[in-house]
Each structure stands twice: as C-alpha cells, then as structure tokens.
Amino acid sequence: MEALVHATAGWIALALDALAVLTVAAGALEALARVLALCLRGAATPARVHAAFIGFGDWLVVALTFQLAADIVGTTIAPGWDVLGRLAAIAAIRTFLTFFLDHDLARARARELAEQERNGAQPVKAAPRDPG
C-alpha cells in the first residue's frame, strides 16, 4: 500500500510540475499574441503592451502555485528532515517570489490606472482569463 501511495504521489507531483510549465507557456503565448496583435493593428501603445505583460505576471503567479503544490506532494515520497528542510526553503523562496510579483503587479496596475485617469483614457485591462 505504501508503494502505491508513493507512486501516486510521484505521478501527481509530476503532473503538477507539468501544469506549471504549461501555465508559463500559455501565459507567454498569450502575452506574445496580444503584443503581436497590437503591433499588427498599429495600436501598440506602452500602456497596452504593459497590460499584456501584467497579464503574463498573473500566469506566473499561478505557475508558482502549481510548483509549490508539486513540492508539497513530493514530500510524501521522501519525508526525511533533509527533504522537509529543502521544501521549507523552496516554499519560502516561492512565497516571497509570489508576494513580490503580486506587489509589483498591483503597483503596475495602480500606476496604469493613474496614468489613464490623467489622460482621460479608457482603462486598458489585462486579458480576462476563465477562472474555472
């Protein structure tokens, strides 16, 4: 039974890592497509290009969450103190990365909205993502 749990945890961790990679790839492709579309239409203003990269930042936060989940699941395979210590370090690093990325994205959004209010322009929003 223990071997089955370890094998299952290994597959789940691998799937979560794969989801993280796919999330980064999807976000990068979306940002690239948005920027290329803006360029082709001749509408590539700094605010619109910046909005595309803010959307990419959101994808990165999701990917970091998948990676942290994979690390947590991975501890069931080898729950020794060395592995748990490494997980704690990785979790702290990824939590700080997520925090600072969220902070930077919030500041960028606030700066963008303030600039749009000064210019009297309509807000440029990051591409909506299906939450489900």
N, C-alpha and C. Protein backbone atom coordinates (compact mmCIF):
# COMPACT_ATOMS: atom_id res chain seq x y z
N MET A 1 0.82 -1.19 0.00
CA MET A 1 0.00 0.00 0.00
C MET A 1 0.87 1.26 0.00
N GLU A 2 1.95 1.22 0.79
CA GLU A 2 2.85 2.37 0.85
C GLU A 2 3.48 2.65 -0.52
N ALA A 3 3.81 1.60 -1.24
CA ALA A 3 4.40 1.76 -2.57
C ALA A 3 3.39 2.43 -3.52
N LEU A 4 2.13 2.09 -3.38
CA LEU A 4 1.10 2.70 -4.22
C LEU A 4 0.96 4.19 -3.92
N VAL A 5 0.98 4.55 -2.65
CA VAL A 5 0.90 5.96 -2.26
C VAL A 5 2.09 6.73 -2.80
N HIS A 6 3.27 6.16 -2.68
CA HIS A 6 4.49 6.83 -3.18
C HIS A 6 4.44 6.98 -4.70
N ALA A 7 4.00 5.95 -5.39
CA ALA A 7 3.92 6.02 -6.85
C ALA A 7 2.89 7.07 -7.28
N THR A 8 1.75 7.05 -6.60
CA THR A 8 0.69 8.02 -6.93
C THR A 8 1.16 9.45 -6.66
N ALA A 9 1.82 9.64 -5.52
CA ALA A 9 2.35 10.97 -5.19
C ALA A 9 3.37 11.43 -6.23
N GLY A 10 4.18 10.52 -6.69
CA GLY A 10 5.16 10.86 -7.72
C GLY A 10 4.50 11.32 -9.01
N TRP A 11 3.45 10.62 -9.41
CA TRP A 11 2.72 11.00 -10.63
C TRP A 11 1.99 12.32 -10.45
N ILE A 12 1.41 12.53 -9.28
CA ILE A 12 0.71 13.80 -9.02
C ILE A 12 1.70 14.96 -9.03
N ALA A 13 2.86 14.77 -8.38
CA ALA A 13 3.88 15.82 -8.39
C ALA A 13 4.35 16.13 -9.80
N LEU A 14 4.54 15.09 -10.59
CA LEU A 14 4.94 15.29 -11.99
C LEU A 14 3.87 16.04 -12.77
N ALA A 15 2.61 15.67 -12.55
CA ALA A 15 1.51 16.35 -13.24
C ALA A 15 1.43 17.83 -12.84
N LEU A 16 1.63 18.11 -11.56
CA LEU A 16 1.61 19.50 -11.10
C LEU A 16 2.77 20.30 -11.68
N ASP A 17 3.95 19.69 -11.75
CA ASP A 17 5.09 20.36 -12.39
C ASP A 17 4.81 20.61 -13.87
N ALA A 18 4.20 19.64 -14.53
CA ALA A 18 3.85 19.81 -15.94
C ALA A 18 2.83 20.94 -16.10
N LEU A 19 1.86 21.02 -15.20
CA LEU A 19 0.88 22.11 -15.24
C LEU A 19 1.57 23.46 -15.08
N ALA A 20 2.56 23.52 -14.22
CA ALA A 20 3.30 24.77 -14.03
C ALA A 20 3.99 25.19 -15.33
N VAL A 21 4.64 24.24 -15.97
CA VAL A 21 5.33 24.54 -17.23
C VAL A 21 4.32 24.97 -18.31
N LEU A 22 3.21 24.24 -18.40
CA LEU A 22 2.18 24.59 -19.38
C LEU A 22 1.57 25.95 -19.09
N THR A 23 1.42 26.28 -17.82
CA THR A 23 0.87 27.59 -17.44
C THR A 23 1.80 28.71 -17.88
N VAL A 24 3.08 28.55 -17.65
CA VAL A 24 4.05 29.56 -18.09
C VAL A 24 4.02 29.68 -19.62
N ALA A 25 3.99 28.55 -20.30
CA ALA A 25 3.96 28.57 -21.77
C ALA A 25 2.69 29.24 -22.28
N ALA A 26 1.55 28.91 -21.69
CA ALA A 26 0.28 29.52 -22.12
C ALA A 26 0.30 31.03 -21.88
N GLY A 27 0.81 31.43 -20.73
CA GLY A 27 0.89 32.86 -20.44
C GLY A 27 1.82 33.59 -21.39
N ALA A 28 2.95 32.97 -21.69
CA ALA A 28 3.90 33.59 -22.62
C ALA A 28 3.30 33.71 -24.02
N LEU A 29 2.63 32.64 -24.44
CA LEU A 29 1.99 32.68 -25.77
C LEU A 29 0.89 33.74 -25.82
N GLU A 30 0.10 33.83 -24.76
CA GLU A 30 -0.96 34.84 -24.72
C GLU A 30 -0.37 36.25 -24.79
N ALA A 31 0.67 36.51 -23.98
CA ALA A 31 1.29 37.83 -23.98
C ALA A 31 1.89 38.14 -25.35
N LEU A 32 2.57 37.16 -25.94
CA LEU A 32 3.15 37.36 -27.27
C LEU A 32 2.07 37.64 -28.31
N ALA A 33 0.99 36.86 -28.26
CA ALA A 33 -0.10 37.06 -29.22
C ALA A 33 -0.73 38.44 -29.07
N ARG A 34 -0.91 38.87 -27.82
CA ARG A 34 -1.50 40.19 -27.59
C ARG A 34 -0.60 41.30 -28.11
N VAL A 35 0.71 41.18 -27.85
CA VAL A 35 1.64 42.21 -28.30
C VAL A 35 1.73 42.21 -29.82
N LEU A 36 1.82 41.04 -30.42
CA LEU A 36 1.87 40.97 -31.89
C LEU A 36 0.60 41.54 -32.52
N ALA A 37 -0.56 41.21 -31.94
CA ALA A 37 -1.82 41.74 -32.47
C ALA A 37 -1.84 43.27 -32.37
N LEU A 38 -1.37 43.79 -31.25
CA LEU A 38 -1.31 45.25 -31.10
C LEU A 38 -0.38 45.87 -32.14
N CYS A 39 0.76 45.23 -32.36
CA CYS A 39 1.72 45.74 -33.35
C CYS A 39 1.15 45.70 -34.76
N LEU A 40 0.50 44.61 -35.10
CA LEU A 40 -0.06 44.47 -36.44
C LEU A 40 -1.18 45.47 -36.70
N ARG A 41 -1.93 45.81 -35.66
CA ARG A 41 -3.02 46.80 -35.81
C ARG A 41 -2.51 48.22 -35.69
N GLY A 42 -1.23 48.38 -35.34
CA GLY A 42 -0.67 49.71 -35.14
C GLY A 42 -1.18 50.36 -33.86
N ALA A 43 -1.58 49.56 -32.89
CA ALA A 43 -2.16 50.08 -31.66
C ALA A 43 -1.27 49.76 -30.45
N ALA A 44 0.01 49.55 -30.67
CA ALA A 44 0.91 49.12 -29.60
C ALA A 44 1.38 50.32 -28.79
N THR A 45 0.51 50.84 -27.94
CA THR A 45 0.91 51.91 -27.03
C THR A 45 1.63 51.28 -25.84
N PRO A 46 2.45 52.05 -25.15
CA PRO A 46 3.12 51.49 -23.97
C PRO A 46 2.14 50.93 -22.94
N ALA A 47 1.01 51.59 -22.74
CA ALA A 47 0.03 51.11 -21.76
C ALA A 47 -0.56 49.76 -22.17
N ARG A 48 -0.83 49.58 -23.45
CA ARG A 48 -1.41 48.32 -23.91
C ARG A 48 -0.40 47.18 -23.87
N VAL A 49 0.83 47.46 -24.24
CA VAL A 49 1.87 46.44 -24.17
C VAL A 49 2.12 46.08 -22.70
N HIS A 50 2.13 47.09 -21.86
CA HIS A 50 2.32 46.85 -20.42
C HIS A 50 1.19 45.99 -19.87
N ALA A 51 -0.04 46.20 -20.32
CA ALA A 51 -1.18 45.40 -19.87
C ALA A 51 -0.99 43.92 -20.24
N ALA A 52 -0.40 43.68 -21.41
CA ALA A 52 -0.14 42.30 -21.82
C ALA A 52 0.84 41.63 -20.86
N PHE A 53 1.84 42.37 -20.42
CA PHE A 53 2.82 41.79 -19.50
C PHE A 53 2.29 41.68 -18.08
N ILE A 54 1.36 42.53 -17.70
CA ILE A 54 0.71 42.36 -16.41
C ILE A 54 -0.08 41.04 -16.42
N GLY A 55 -0.76 40.77 -17.52
CA GLY A 55 -1.47 39.50 -17.65
C GLY A 55 -0.52 38.32 -17.57
N PHE A 56 0.66 38.45 -18.14
CA PHE A 56 1.65 37.38 -18.07
C PHE A 56 2.11 37.16 -16.62
N GLY A 57 2.24 38.24 -15.88
CA GLY A 57 2.61 38.12 -14.47
C GLY A 57 1.59 37.32 -13.68
N ASP A 58 0.32 37.48 -14.00
CA ASP A 58 -0.72 36.68 -13.35
C ASP A 58 -0.52 35.20 -13.62
N TRP A 59 -0.17 34.86 -14.85
CA TRP A 59 0.09 33.46 -15.20
C TRP A 59 1.27 32.91 -14.39
N LEU A 60 2.29 33.75 -14.18
CA LEU A 60 3.47 33.31 -13.43
C LEU A 60 3.12 33.00 -11.97
N VAL A 61 2.23 33.79 -11.39
CA VAL A 61 1.79 33.52 -10.01
C VAL A 61 1.10 32.16 -9.93
N VAL A 62 0.25 31.87 -10.91
CA VAL A 62 -0.44 30.58 -10.94
C VAL A 62 0.58 29.44 -11.08
N ALA A 63 1.57 29.61 -11.95
CA ALA A 63 2.58 28.58 -12.15
C ALA A 63 3.38 28.33 -10.87
N LEU A 64 3.73 29.39 -10.17
CA LEU A 64 4.45 29.21 -8.90
C LEU A 64 3.61 28.44 -7.89
N THR A 65 2.32 28.65 -7.90
CA THR A 65 1.43 27.92 -7.00
C THR A 65 1.41 26.44 -7.34
N PHE A 66 1.36 26.11 -8.63
CA PHE A 66 1.43 24.70 -9.05
C PHE A 66 2.75 24.07 -8.61
N GLN A 67 3.85 24.81 -8.77
CA GLN A 67 5.15 24.26 -8.39
C GLN A 67 5.24 24.02 -6.89
N LEU A 68 4.70 24.92 -6.10
CA LEU A 68 4.71 24.72 -4.66
C LEU A 68 3.87 23.50 -4.28
N ALA A 69 2.72 23.34 -4.94
CA ALA A 69 1.88 22.16 -4.68
C ALA A 69 2.64 20.88 -5.03
N ALA A 70 3.37 20.90 -6.14
CA ALA A 70 4.15 19.71 -6.53
C ALA A 70 5.21 19.39 -5.48
N ASP A 71 5.84 20.42 -4.94
CA ASP A 71 6.84 20.20 -3.90
C ASP A 71 6.21 19.61 -2.63
N ILE A 72 5.05 20.09 -2.28
CA ILE A 72 4.37 19.58 -1.09
C ILE A 72 4.00 18.11 -1.28
N VAL A 73 3.43 17.78 -2.43
CA VAL A 73 3.09 16.39 -2.71
C VAL A 73 4.34 15.53 -2.74
N GLY A 74 5.42 16.07 -3.26
CA GLY A 74 6.68 15.33 -3.34
C GLY A 74 7.24 14.94 -1.99
N THR A 75 6.89 15.67 -0.93
CA THR A 75 7.41 15.32 0.40
C THR A 75 6.84 14.01 0.91
N THR A 76 5.72 13.56 0.37
CA THR A 76 5.18 12.27 0.82
C THR A 76 6.03 11.11 0.33
N ILE A 77 6.81 11.35 -0.70
CA ILE A 77 7.67 10.30 -1.25
C ILE A 77 8.88 10.06 -0.36
N ALA A 78 9.51 11.14 0.08
CA ALA A 78 10.71 11.03 0.92
C ALA A 78 10.63 12.07 2.02
N PRO A 79 9.87 11.79 3.09
CA PRO A 79 9.62 12.81 4.10
C PRO A 79 10.73 12.97 5.15
N GLY A 80 11.98 12.74 4.80
CA GLY A 80 13.07 12.91 5.76
C GLY A 80 13.27 14.38 6.10
N TRP A 81 14.04 14.63 7.17
CA TRP A 81 14.27 16.01 7.61
C TRP A 81 15.00 16.82 6.55
N ASP A 82 15.89 16.20 5.85
CA ASP A 82 16.63 16.91 4.80
C ASP A 82 15.67 17.38 3.71
N VAL A 83 14.77 16.49 3.29
CA VAL A 83 13.79 16.83 2.25
C VAL A 83 12.82 17.90 2.76
N LEU A 84 12.38 17.76 4.01
CA LEU A 84 11.46 18.75 4.58
C LEU A 84 12.13 20.12 4.71
N GLY A 85 13.39 20.13 5.07
CA GLY A 85 14.13 21.40 5.15
C GLY A 85 14.26 22.06 3.79
N ARG A 86 14.53 21.24 2.77
CA ARG A 86 14.61 21.76 1.41
C ARG A 86 13.25 22.29 0.96
N LEU A 87 12.18 21.57 1.29
CA LEU A 87 10.83 22.02 0.95
C LEU A 87 10.53 23.36 1.62
N ALA A 88 10.91 23.48 2.90
CA ALA A 88 10.66 24.74 3.61
C ALA A 88 11.39 25.89 2.93
N ALA A 89 12.63 25.66 2.51
CA ALA A 89 13.39 26.71 1.82
C ALA A 89 12.75 27.06 0.48
N ILE A 90 12.37 26.03 -0.27
CA ILE A 90 11.74 26.27 -1.58
C ILE A 90 10.41 26.99 -1.39
N ALA A 91 9.62 26.55 -0.41
CA ALA A 91 8.32 27.19 -0.16
C ALA A 91 8.51 28.65 0.21
N ALA A 92 9.51 28.94 1.04
CA ALA A 92 9.76 30.33 1.42
C ALA A 92 10.17 31.16 0.22
N ILE A 93 11.06 30.63 -0.60
CA ILE A 93 11.51 31.36 -1.78
C ILE A 93 10.34 31.62 -2.73
N ARG A 94 9.55 30.59 -2.99
CA ARG A 94 8.42 30.75 -3.91
C ARG A 94 7.35 31.66 -3.33
N THR A 95 7.16 31.60 -2.03
CA THR A 95 6.19 32.51 -1.40
C THR A 95 6.66 33.95 -1.53
N PHE A 96 7.94 34.20 -1.29
CA PHE A 96 8.46 35.56 -1.47
C PHE A 96 8.37 36.00 -2.92
N LEU A 97 8.69 35.12 -3.86
CA LEU A 97 8.56 35.47 -5.27
C LEU A 97 7.13 35.84 -5.62
N THR A 98 6.19 35.02 -5.15
CA THR A 98 4.78 35.29 -5.42
C THR A 98 4.36 36.60 -4.79
N PHE A 99 4.76 36.84 -3.55
CA PHE A 99 4.41 38.07 -2.86
C PHE A 99 4.92 39.29 -3.62
N PHE A 100 6.20 39.27 -3.98
CA PHE A 100 6.77 40.42 -4.66
C PHE A 100 6.22 40.58 -6.07
N LEU A 101 5.93 39.48 -6.74
CA LEU A 101 5.32 39.56 -8.06
C LEU A 101 3.92 40.17 -7.95
N ASP A 102 3.13 39.70 -6.98
CA ASP A 102 1.81 40.28 -6.74
C ASP A 102 1.92 41.77 -6.42
N HIS A 103 2.88 42.11 -5.58
CA HIS A 103 3.09 43.52 -5.20
C HIS A 103 3.45 44.37 -6.42
N ASP A 104 4.37 43.87 -7.24
CA ASP A 104 4.76 44.60 -8.45
C ASP A 104 3.60 44.74 -9.42
N LEU A 105 2.79 43.66 -9.57
CA LEU A 105 1.64 43.73 -10.46
C LEU A 105 0.62 44.74 -9.96
N ALA A 106 0.38 44.77 -8.67
CA ALA A 106 -0.58 45.73 -8.10
C ALA A 106 -0.09 47.16 -8.30
N ARG A 107 1.21 47.39 -8.09
CA ARG A 107 1.76 48.73 -8.32
C ARG A 107 1.66 49.12 -9.78
N ALA A 108 1.94 48.18 -10.67
CA ALA A 108 1.86 48.47 -12.11
C ALA A 108 0.44 48.80 -12.51
N ARG A 109 -0.53 48.04 -11.97
CA ARG A 109 -1.93 48.33 -12.28
C ARG A 109 -2.35 49.70 -11.76
N ALA A 110 -1.94 50.03 -10.55
CA ALA A 110 -2.28 51.32 -9.96
C ALA A 110 -1.67 52.46 -10.77
N ARG A 111 -0.40 52.28 -11.16
CA ARG A 111 0.28 53.29 -11.96
C ARG A 111 -0.41 53.46 -13.31
N GLU A 112 -0.82 52.34 -13.90
CA GLU A 112 -1.50 52.38 -15.19
C GLU A 112 -2.84 53.10 -15.08
N LEU A 113 -3.62 52.80 -14.04
CA LEU A 113 -4.91 53.45 -13.84
C LEU A 113 -4.74 54.94 -13.59
N ALA A 114 -3.74 55.32 -12.80
CA ALA A 114 -3.49 56.74 -12.53
C ALA A 114 -3.12 57.48 -13.81
N GLU A 115 -2.30 56.84 -14.64
CA GLU A 115 -1.91 57.46 -15.90
C GLU A 115 -3.12 57.62 -16.83
N GLN A 116 -3.98 56.62 -16.86
CA GLN A 116 -5.16 56.68 -17.70
C GLN A 116 -6.13 57.75 -17.21
N GLU A 117 -6.25 57.90 -15.90
CA GLU A 117 -7.12 58.95 -15.36
C GLU A 117 -6.58 60.33 -15.71
N ARG A 118 -5.25 60.49 -15.64
CA ARG A 118 -4.65 61.78 -16.02
C ARG A 118 -4.90 62.10 -17.48
N ASN A 119 -4.84 61.07 -18.32
CA ASN A 119 -5.02 61.26 -19.76
C ASN A 119 -6.48 61.24 -20.18
N GLY A 120 -7.37 60.86 -19.28
CA GLY A 120 -8.78 60.78 -19.61
C GLY A 120 -9.11 59.64 -20.55
N ALA A 121 -8.25 58.62 -20.58
CA ALA A 121 -8.45 57.48 -21.50
C ALA A 121 -9.24 56.38 -20.81
N GLN A 122 -9.79 55.51 -21.63
CA GLN A 122 -10.46 54.33 -21.11
C GLN A 122 -9.42 53.38 -20.56
N PRO A 123 -9.72 52.70 -19.45
CA PRO A 123 -8.76 51.74 -18.88
C PRO A 123 -8.46 50.61 -19.85
N VAL A 124 -7.18 50.24 -19.91
CA VAL A 124 -6.75 49.09 -20.68
C VAL A 124 -6.62 47.95 -19.71
N LYS A 125 -7.37 46.88 -19.93
CA LYS A 125 -7.37 45.76 -19.00
C LYS A 125 -6.53 44.62 -19.53
N ALA A 126 -5.98 43.86 -18.59
CA ALA A 126 -5.28 42.63 -18.97
C ALA A 126 -6.31 41.67 -19.52
N ALA A 127 -5.87 40.77 -20.37
CA ALA A 127 -6.79 39.80 -20.97
C ALA A 127 -7.49 39.00 -19.89
N PRO A 128 -8.83 38.91 -19.98
CA PRO A 128 -9.54 38.12 -18.97
C PRO A 128 -9.24 36.64 -19.14
N ARG A 129 -9.17 35.96 -17.99
CA ARG A 129 -8.95 34.52 -18.00
C ARG A 129 -10.16 33.87 -17.38
N ASP A 130 -10.50 32.72 -17.89
CA ASP A 130 -11.61 31.95 -17.34
C ASP A 130 -11.17 31.42 -15.98
N PRO A 131 -11.88 31.80 -14.88
CA PRO A 131 -11.45 31.36 -13.56
C PRO A 131 -11.67 29.89 -13.31
N GLY A 132 -12.44 29.23 -14.11
CA GLY A 132 -12.75 27.82 -13.83
C GLY A 132 -12.19 26.94 -14.79
